[in-house]
Amino acid sequence: MHLDFFTLYIVIVLVSFALSAIWAAIAWRHRSFFAARIWFAACSLTASGGVILPFQHLSAVLNRPGNPGRFG
């Protein structure tokens, strides 16, 4: 069995979204439970960071010398 980085990445992002949904439901149901809102925000930021992760090298590619669409 071979577990590559992409499979692990997809699993981590999906788990982050699942945890976000769970904490959102808890925060919605128990509105006075402030810690649930913080955990929801943390899981949402983790999931959004996971979505942005594949694009981290995009700026290096776009800023390459000789690129006609170069920034700056």
PDB file of N, CA and C in Angstrom:
ATOM      1  N   MET A   1       0.840  -1.179   0.000  1.00  0.00           N
ATOM      2  CA  MET A   1       0.000   0.000   0.000  1.00  0.00           C
ATOM      3  C   MET A   1       0.884   1.240   0.000  1.00  0.00           C
ATOM      4  N   HIS A   2       0.530   2.196  -0.830  1.00  0.00           N
ATOM      5  CA  HIS A   2       1.326   3.402  -0.970  1.00  0.00           C
ATOM      6  C   HIS A   2       0.478   4.607  -0.580  1.00  0.00           C
ATOM      7  N   LEU A   3       0.943   5.358   0.402  1.00  0.00           N
ATOM      8  CA  LEU A   3       0.254   6.579   0.833  1.00  0.00           C
ATOM      9  C   LEU A   3       1.115   7.764   0.426  1.00  0.00           C
ATOM     10  N   ASP A   4       0.645   8.525  -0.520  1.00  0.00           N
ATOM     11  CA  ASP A   4       1.432   9.662  -0.971  1.00  0.00           C
ATOM     12  C   ASP A   4       0.956  10.945  -0.298  1.00  0.00           C
ATOM     13  N   PHE A   5       1.665  12.010  -0.558  1.00  0.00           N
ATOM     14  CA  PHE A   5       1.385  13.294   0.079  1.00  0.00           C
ATOM     15  C   PHE A   5       0.014  13.826  -0.310  1.00  0.00           C
ATOM     16  N   PHE A   6      -0.365  13.668  -1.568  1.00  0.00           N
ATOM     17  CA  PHE A   6      -1.641  14.212  -2.027  1.00  0.00           C
ATOM     18  C   PHE A   6      -2.821  13.567  -1.299  1.00  0.00           C
ATOM     19  N   THR A   7      -2.773  12.256  -1.093  1.00  0.00           N
ATOM     20  CA  THR A   7      -3.841  11.564  -0.366  1.00  0.00           C
ATOM     21  C   THR A   7      -3.924  12.065   1.062  1.00  0.00           C
ATOM     22  N   LEU A   8      -2.781  12.201   1.701  1.00  0.00           N
ATOM     23  CA  LEU A   8      -2.751  12.707   3.069  1.00  0.00           C
ATOM     24  C   LEU A   8      -3.266  14.143   3.132  1.00  0.00           C
ATOM     25  N   TYR A   9      -2.916  14.946   2.163  1.00  0.00           N
ATOM     26  CA  TYR A   9      -3.373  16.329   2.094  1.00  0.00           C
ATOM     27  C   TYR A   9      -4.891  16.393   1.977  1.00  0.00           C
ATOM     28  N   ILE A  10      -5.468  15.601   1.095  1.00  0.00           N
ATOM     29  CA  ILE A  10      -6.920  15.584   0.897  1.00  0.00           C
ATOM     30  C   ILE A  10      -7.624  15.145   2.181  1.00  0.00           C
ATOM     31  N   VAL A  11      -7.105  14.146   2.851  1.00  0.00           N
ATOM     32  CA  VAL A  11      -7.707  13.667   4.095  1.00  0.00           C
ATOM     33  C   VAL A  11      -7.677  14.755   5.163  1.00  0.00           C
ATOM     34  N   ILE A  12      -6.570  15.457   5.300  1.00  0.00           N
ATOM     35  CA  ILE A  12      -6.453  16.507   6.310  1.00  0.00           C
ATOM     36  C   ILE A  12      -7.411  17.652   6.018  1.00  0.00           C
ATOM     37  N   VAL A  13      -7.536  18.056   4.758  1.00  0.00           N
ATOM     38  CA  VAL A  13      -8.454  19.142   4.405  1.00  0.00           C
ATOM     39  C   VAL A  13      -9.903  18.721   4.643  1.00  0.00           C
ATOM     40  N   LEU A  14     -10.257  17.498   4.276  1.00  0.00           N
ATOM     41  CA  LEU A  14     -11.629  17.030   4.501  1.00  0.00           C
ATOM     42  C   LEU A  14     -11.956  16.917   5.983  1.00  0.00           C
ATOM     43  N   VAL A  15     -11.007  16.468   6.777  1.00  0.00           N
ATOM     44  CA  VAL A  15     -11.220  16.394   8.231  1.00  0.00           C
ATOM     45  C   VAL A  15     -11.381  17.800   8.808  1.00  0.00           C
ATOM     46  N   SER A  16     -10.621  18.748   8.307  1.00  0.00           N
ATOM     47  CA  SER A  16     -10.752  20.131   8.777  1.00  0.00           C
ATOM     48  C   SER A  16     -12.129  20.695   8.469  1.00  0.00           C
ATOM     49  N   PHE A  17     -12.640  20.427   7.268  1.00  0.00           N
ATOM     50  CA  PHE A  17     -13.990  20.877   6.927  1.00  0.00           C
ATOM     51  C   PHE A  17     -15.047  20.174   7.775  1.00  0.00           C
ATOM     52  N   ALA A  18     -14.850  18.892   8.043  1.00  0.00           N
ATOM     53  CA  ALA A  18     -15.807  18.158   8.876  1.00  0.00           C
ATOM     54  C   ALA A  18     -15.819  18.712  10.300  1.00  0.00           C
ATOM     55  N   LEU A  19     -14.639  18.982  10.847  1.00  0.00           N
ATOM     56  CA  LEU A  19     -14.573  19.566  12.183  1.00  0.00           C
ATOM     57  C   LEU A  19     -15.187  20.965  12.211  1.00  0.00           C
ATOM     58  N   SER A  20     -15.009  21.723  11.151  1.00  0.00           N
ATOM     59  CA  SER A  20     -15.636  23.048  11.070  1.00  0.00           C
ATOM     60  C   SER A  20     -17.151  22.928  11.116  1.00  0.00           C
ATOM     61  N   ALA A  21     -17.684  21.962  10.388  1.00  0.00           N
ATOM     62  CA  ALA A  21     -19.139  21.765  10.385  1.00  0.00           C
ATOM     63  C   ALA A  21     -19.646  21.335  11.756  1.00  0.00           C
ATOM     64  N   ILE A  22     -18.898  20.470  12.418  1.00  0.00           N
ATOM     65  CA  ILE A  22     -19.304  20.014  13.751  1.00  0.00           C
ATOM     66  C   ILE A  22     -19.283  21.166  14.746  1.00  0.00           C
ATOM     67  N   TRP A  23     -18.198  21.955  14.742  1.00  0.00           N
ATOM     68  CA  TRP A  23     -18.109  23.076  15.683  1.00  0.00           C
ATOM     69  C   TRP A  23     -19.113  24.167  15.347  1.00  0.00           C
ATOM     70  N   ALA A  24     -19.441  24.328  14.071  1.00  0.00           N
ATOM     71  CA  ALA A  24     -20.478  25.302  13.705  1.00  0.00           C
ATOM     72  C   ALA A  24     -21.832  24.864  14.257  1.00  0.00           C
ATOM     73  N   ALA A  25     -22.124  23.575  14.166  1.00  0.00           N
ATOM     74  CA  ALA A  25     -23.384  23.070  14.709  1.00  0.00           C
ATOM     75  C   ALA A  25     -23.440  23.222  16.228  1.00  0.00           C
ATOM     76  N   ILE A  26     -22.339  22.950  16.889  1.00  0.00           N
ATOM     77  CA  ILE A  26     -22.297  23.104  18.348  1.00  0.00           C
ATOM     78  C   ILE A  26     -22.449  24.571  18.723  1.00  0.00           C
ATOM     79  N   ALA A  27     -21.755  25.448  18.001  1.00  0.00           N
ATOM     80  CA  ALA A  27     -21.852  26.882  18.295  1.00  0.00           C
ATOM     81  C   ALA A  27     -23.255  27.408  18.016  1.00  0.00           C
ATOM     82  N   TRP A  28     -23.916  26.872  16.996  1.00  0.00           N
ATOM     83  CA  TRP A  28     -25.277  27.303  16.676  1.00  0.00           C
ATOM     84  C   TRP A  28     -26.269  26.819  17.736  1.00  0.00           C
ATOM     85  N   ARG A  29     -26.098  25.575  18.156  1.00  0.00           N
ATOM     86  CA  ARG A  29     -27.034  24.981  19.112  1.00  0.00           C
ATOM     87  C   ARG A  29     -26.859  25.575  20.507  1.00  0.00           C
ATOM     88  N   HIS A  30     -25.611  25.780  20.918  1.00  0.00           N
ATOM     89  CA  HIS A  30     -25.303  26.313  22.253  1.00  0.00           C
ATOM     90  C   HIS A  30     -24.660  27.684  22.067  1.00  0.00           C
ATOM     91  N   ARG A  31     -25.472  28.680  21.839  1.00  0.00           N
ATOM     92  CA  ARG A  31     -24.963  30.005  21.495  1.00  0.00           C
ATOM     93  C   ARG A  31     -24.186  30.664  22.617  1.00  0.00           C
ATOM     94  N   SER A  32     -24.407  30.268  23.846  1.00  0.00           N
ATOM     95  CA  SER A  32     -23.667  30.874  24.958  1.00  0.00           C
ATOM     96  C   SER A  32     -22.302  30.202  25.167  1.00  0.00           C
ATOM     97  N   PHE A  33     -22.034  29.130  24.458  1.00  0.00           N
ATOM     98  CA  PHE A  33     -20.765  28.404  24.582  1.00  0.00           C
ATOM     99  C   PHE A  33     -19.733  29.075  23.675  1.00  0.00           C
ATOM    100  N   PHE A  34     -19.027  30.058  24.226  1.00  0.00           N
ATOM    101  CA  PHE A  34     -18.113  30.893  23.439  1.00  0.00           C
ATOM    102  C   PHE A  34     -16.940  30.100  22.876  1.00  0.00           C
ATOM    103  N   ALA A  35     -16.463  29.103  23.591  1.00  0.00           N
ATOM    104  CA  ALA A  35     -15.317  28.311  23.123  1.00  0.00           C
ATOM    105  C   ALA A  35     -15.627  27.587  21.815  1.00  0.00           C
ATOM    106  N   ALA A  36     -16.880  27.232  21.600  1.00  0.00           N
ATOM    107  CA  ALA A  36     -17.254  26.556  20.347  1.00  0.00           C
ATOM    108  C   ALA A  36     -17.050  27.484  19.154  1.00  0.00           C
ATOM    109  N   ARG A  37     -17.311  28.775  19.356  1.00  0.00           N
ATOM    110  CA  ARG A  37     -17.088  29.733  18.262  1.00  0.00           C
ATOM    111  C   ARG A  37     -15.607  29.856  17.943  1.00  0.00           C
ATOM    112  N   ILE A  38     -14.787  29.833  18.978  1.00  0.00           N
ATOM    113  CA  ILE A  38     -13.335  29.928  18.762  1.00  0.00           C
ATOM    114  C   ILE A  38     -12.821  28.672  18.055  1.00  0.00           C
ATOM    115  N   TRP A  39     -13.289  27.502  18.474  1.00  0.00           N
ATOM    116  CA  TRP A  39     -12.883  26.262  17.810  1.00  0.00           C
ATOM    117  C   TRP A  39     -13.380  26.215  16.375  1.00  0.00           C
ATOM    118  N   PHE A  40     -14.585  26.741  16.134  1.00  0.00           N
ATOM    119  CA  PHE A  40     -15.101  26.810  14.762  1.00  0.00           C
ATOM    120  C   PHE A  40     -14.216  27.710  13.901  1.00  0.00           C
ATOM    121  N   ALA A  41     -13.840  28.862  14.437  1.00  0.00           N
ATOM    122  CA  ALA A  41     -12.969  29.776  13.692  1.00  0.00           C
ATOM    123  C   ALA A  41     -11.612  29.135  13.416  1.00  0.00           C
ATOM    124  N   ALA A  42     -11.067  28.445  14.405  1.00  0.00           N
ATOM    125  CA  ALA A  42      -9.759  27.800  14.232  1.00  0.00           C
ATOM    126  C   ALA A  42      -9.817  26.699  13.180  1.00  0.00           C
ATOM    127  N   CYS A  43     -10.848  25.882  13.217  1.00  0.00           N
ATOM    128  CA  CYS A  43     -10.983  24.815  12.220  1.00  0.00           C
ATOM    129  C   CYS A  43     -11.247  25.381  10.835  1.00  0.00           C
ATOM    130  N   SER A  44     -11.998  26.471  10.765  1.00  0.00           N
ATOM    131  CA  SER A  44     -12.250  27.104   9.472  1.00  0.00           C
ATOM    132  C   SER A  44     -10.968  27.692   8.891  1.00  0.00           C
ATOM    133  N   LEU A  45     -10.156  28.311   9.732  1.00  0.00           N
ATOM    134  CA  LEU A  45      -8.883  28.848   9.253  1.00  0.00           C
ATOM    135  C   LEU A  45      -7.938  27.739   8.815  1.00  0.00           C
ATOM    136  N   THR A  46      -7.937  26.628   9.535  1.00  0.00           N
ATOM    137  CA  THR A  46      -7.115  25.490   9.132  1.00  0.00           C
ATOM    138  C   THR A  46      -7.565  24.959   7.776  1.00  0.00           C
ATOM    139  N   ALA A  47      -8.865  24.842   7.584  1.00  0.00           N
ATOM    140  CA  ALA A  47      -9.388  24.349   6.307  1.00  0.00           C
ATOM    141  C   ALA A  47      -9.083  25.326   5.177  1.00  0.00           C
ATOM    142  N   SER A  48      -9.252  26.614   5.430  1.00  0.00           N
ATOM    143  CA  SER A  48      -8.958  27.591   4.370  1.00  0.00           C
ATOM    144  C   SER A  48      -7.458  27.634   4.066  1.00  0.00           C
ATOM    145  N   GLY A  49      -6.632  27.470   5.064  1.00  0.00           N
ATOM    146  CA  GLY A  49      -5.193  27.386   4.829  1.00  0.00           C
ATOM    147  C   GLY A  49      -4.829  26.160   4.006  1.00  0.00           C
ATOM    148  N   GLY A  50      -5.548  25.069   4.246  1.00  0.00           N
ATOM    149  CA  GLY A  50      -5.322  23.864   3.455  1.00  0.00           C
ATOM    150  C   GLY A  50      -5.728  24.036   2.006  1.00  0.00           C
ATOM    151  N   VAL A  51      -6.789  24.808   1.780  1.00  0.00           N
ATOM    152  CA  VAL A  51      -7.226  25.066   0.404  1.00  0.00           C
ATOM    153  C   VAL A  51      -6.218  25.957  -0.317  1.00  0.00           C
ATOM    154  N   ILE A  52      -5.627  26.909   0.387  1.00  0.00           N
ATOM    155  CA  ILE A  52      -4.675  27.847  -0.207  1.00  0.00           C
ATOM    156  C   ILE A  52      -3.290  27.216  -0.389  1.00  0.00           C
ATOM    157  N   LEU A  53      -2.984  26.180   0.371  1.00  0.00           N
ATOM    158  CA  LEU A  53      -1.655  25.564   0.366  1.00  0.00           C
ATOM    159  C   LEU A  53      -1.128  25.195  -1.025  1.00  0.00           C
ATOM    160  N   PRO A  54      -1.915  24.618  -1.927  1.00  0.00           N
ATOM    161  CA  PRO A  54      -1.351  24.265  -3.235  1.00  0.00           C
ATOM    162  C   PRO A  54      -0.908  25.467  -4.068  1.00  0.00           C
ATOM    163  N   PHE A  55      -1.389  26.646  -3.734  1.00  0.00           N
ATOM    164  CA  PHE A  55      -1.064  27.832  -4.514  1.00  0.00           C
ATOM    165  C   PHE A  55       0.088  28.641  -3.931  1.00  0.00           C
ATOM    166  N   GLN A  56       0.816  28.089  -2.966  1.00  0.00           N
ATOM    167  CA  GLN A  56       1.865  28.847  -2.297  1.00  0.00           C
ATOM    168  C   GLN A  56       3.025  29.200  -3.220  1.00  0.00           C
ATOM    169  N   HIS A  57       3.260  28.428  -4.254  1.00  0.00           N
ATOM    170  CA  HIS A  57       4.370  28.699  -5.165  1.00  0.00           C
ATOM    171  C   HIS A  57       3.928  29.489  -6.395  1.00  0.00           C
ATOM    172  N   LEU A  58       2.665  29.835  -6.458  1.00  0.00           N
ATOM    173  CA  LEU A  58       2.147  30.553  -7.616  1.00  0.00           C
ATOM    174  C   LEU A  58       2.814  31.913  -7.782  1.00  0.00           C
ATOM    175  N   SER A  59       3.048  32.609  -6.676  1.00  0.00           N
ATOM    176  CA  SER A  59       3.682  33.928  -6.779  1.00  0.00           C
ATOM    177  C   SER A  59       5.122  33.811  -7.276  1.00  0.00           C
ATOM    178  N   ALA A  60       5.827  32.739  -6.905  1.00  0.00           N
ATOM    179  CA  ALA A  60       7.195  32.551  -7.387  1.00  0.00           C
ATOM    180  C   ALA A  60       7.199  32.294  -8.888  1.00  0.00           C
ATOM    181  N   VAL A  61       6.204  31.589  -9.382  1.00  0.00           N
ATOM    182  CA  VAL A  61       6.121  31.323 -10.814  1.00  0.00           C
ATOM    183  C   VAL A  61       5.768  32.601 -11.565  1.00  0.00           C
ATOM    184  N   LEU A  62       4.851  33.378 -11.023  1.00  0.00           N
ATOM    185  CA  LEU A  62       4.435  34.608 -11.694  1.00  0.00           C
ATOM    186  C   LEU A  62       5.504  35.696 -11.634  1.00  0.00           C
ATOM    187  N   ASN A  63       6.348  35.674 -10.619  1.00  0.00           N
ATOM    188  CA  ASN A  63       7.380  36.694 -10.466  1.00  0.00           C
ATOM    189  C   ASN A  63       8.700  36.308 -11.124  1.00  0.00           C
ATOM    190  N   ARG A  64       8.717  35.236 -11.875  1.00  0.00           N
ATOM    191  CA  ARG A  64       9.928  34.796 -12.552  1.00  0.00           C
ATOM    192  C   ARG A  64      10.366  35.854 -13.565  1.00  0.00           C
ATOM    193  N   PRO A  65      11.654  36.172 -13.637  1.00  0.00           N
ATOM    194  CA  PRO A  65      12.133  37.153 -14.620  1.00  0.00           C
ATOM    195  C   PRO A  65      11.781  36.711 -16.036  1.00  0.00           C
ATOM    196  N   GLY A  66      11.355  37.665 -16.834  1.00  0.00           N
ATOM    197  CA  GLY A  66      10.976  37.374 -18.210  1.00  0.00           C
ATOM    198  C   GLY A  66       9.521  37.010 -18.375  1.00  0.00           C
ATOM    199  N   ASN A  67       8.791  36.905 -17.288  1.00  0.00           N
ATOM    200  CA  ASN A  67       7.375  36.591 -17.367  1.00  0.00           C
ATOM    201  C   ASN A  67       6.618  37.874 -17.739  1.00  0.00           C
ATOM    202  N   PRO A  68       5.839  37.858 -18.832  1.00  0.00           N
ATOM    203  CA  PRO A  68       5.159  39.076 -19.246  1.00  0.00           C
ATOM    204  C   PRO A  68       4.100  39.543 -18.243  1.00  0.00           C
ATOM    205  N   GLY A  69       3.562  38.653 -17.418  1.00  0.00           N
ATOM    206  CA  GLY A  69       2.562  39.038 -16.428  1.00  0.00           C
ATOM    207  C   GLY A  69       3.169  39.270 -15.052  1.00  0.00           C
ATOM    208  N   ARG A  70       4.464  39.568 -15.021  1.00  0.00           N
ATOM    209  CA  ARG A  70       5.188  39.715 -13.760  1.00  0.00           C
ATOM    210  C   ARG A  70       4.639  40.859 -12.926  1.00  0.00           C
ATOM    211  N   PHE A  71       4.538  40.623 -11.607  1.00  0.00           N
ATOM    212  CA  PHE A  71       4.086  41.654 -10.674  1.00  0.00           C
ATOM    213  C   PHE A  71       5.214  42.622 -10.403  1.00  0.00           C
ATOM    214  N   GLY A  72       4.891  43.893 -10.296  1.00  0.00           N
ATOM    215  CA  GLY A  72       5.872  44.887  -9.864  1.00  0.00           C
ATOM    216  C   GLY A  72       6.750  45.441 -10.925  1.00  0.00           C
TER     217      GLY A  72
END
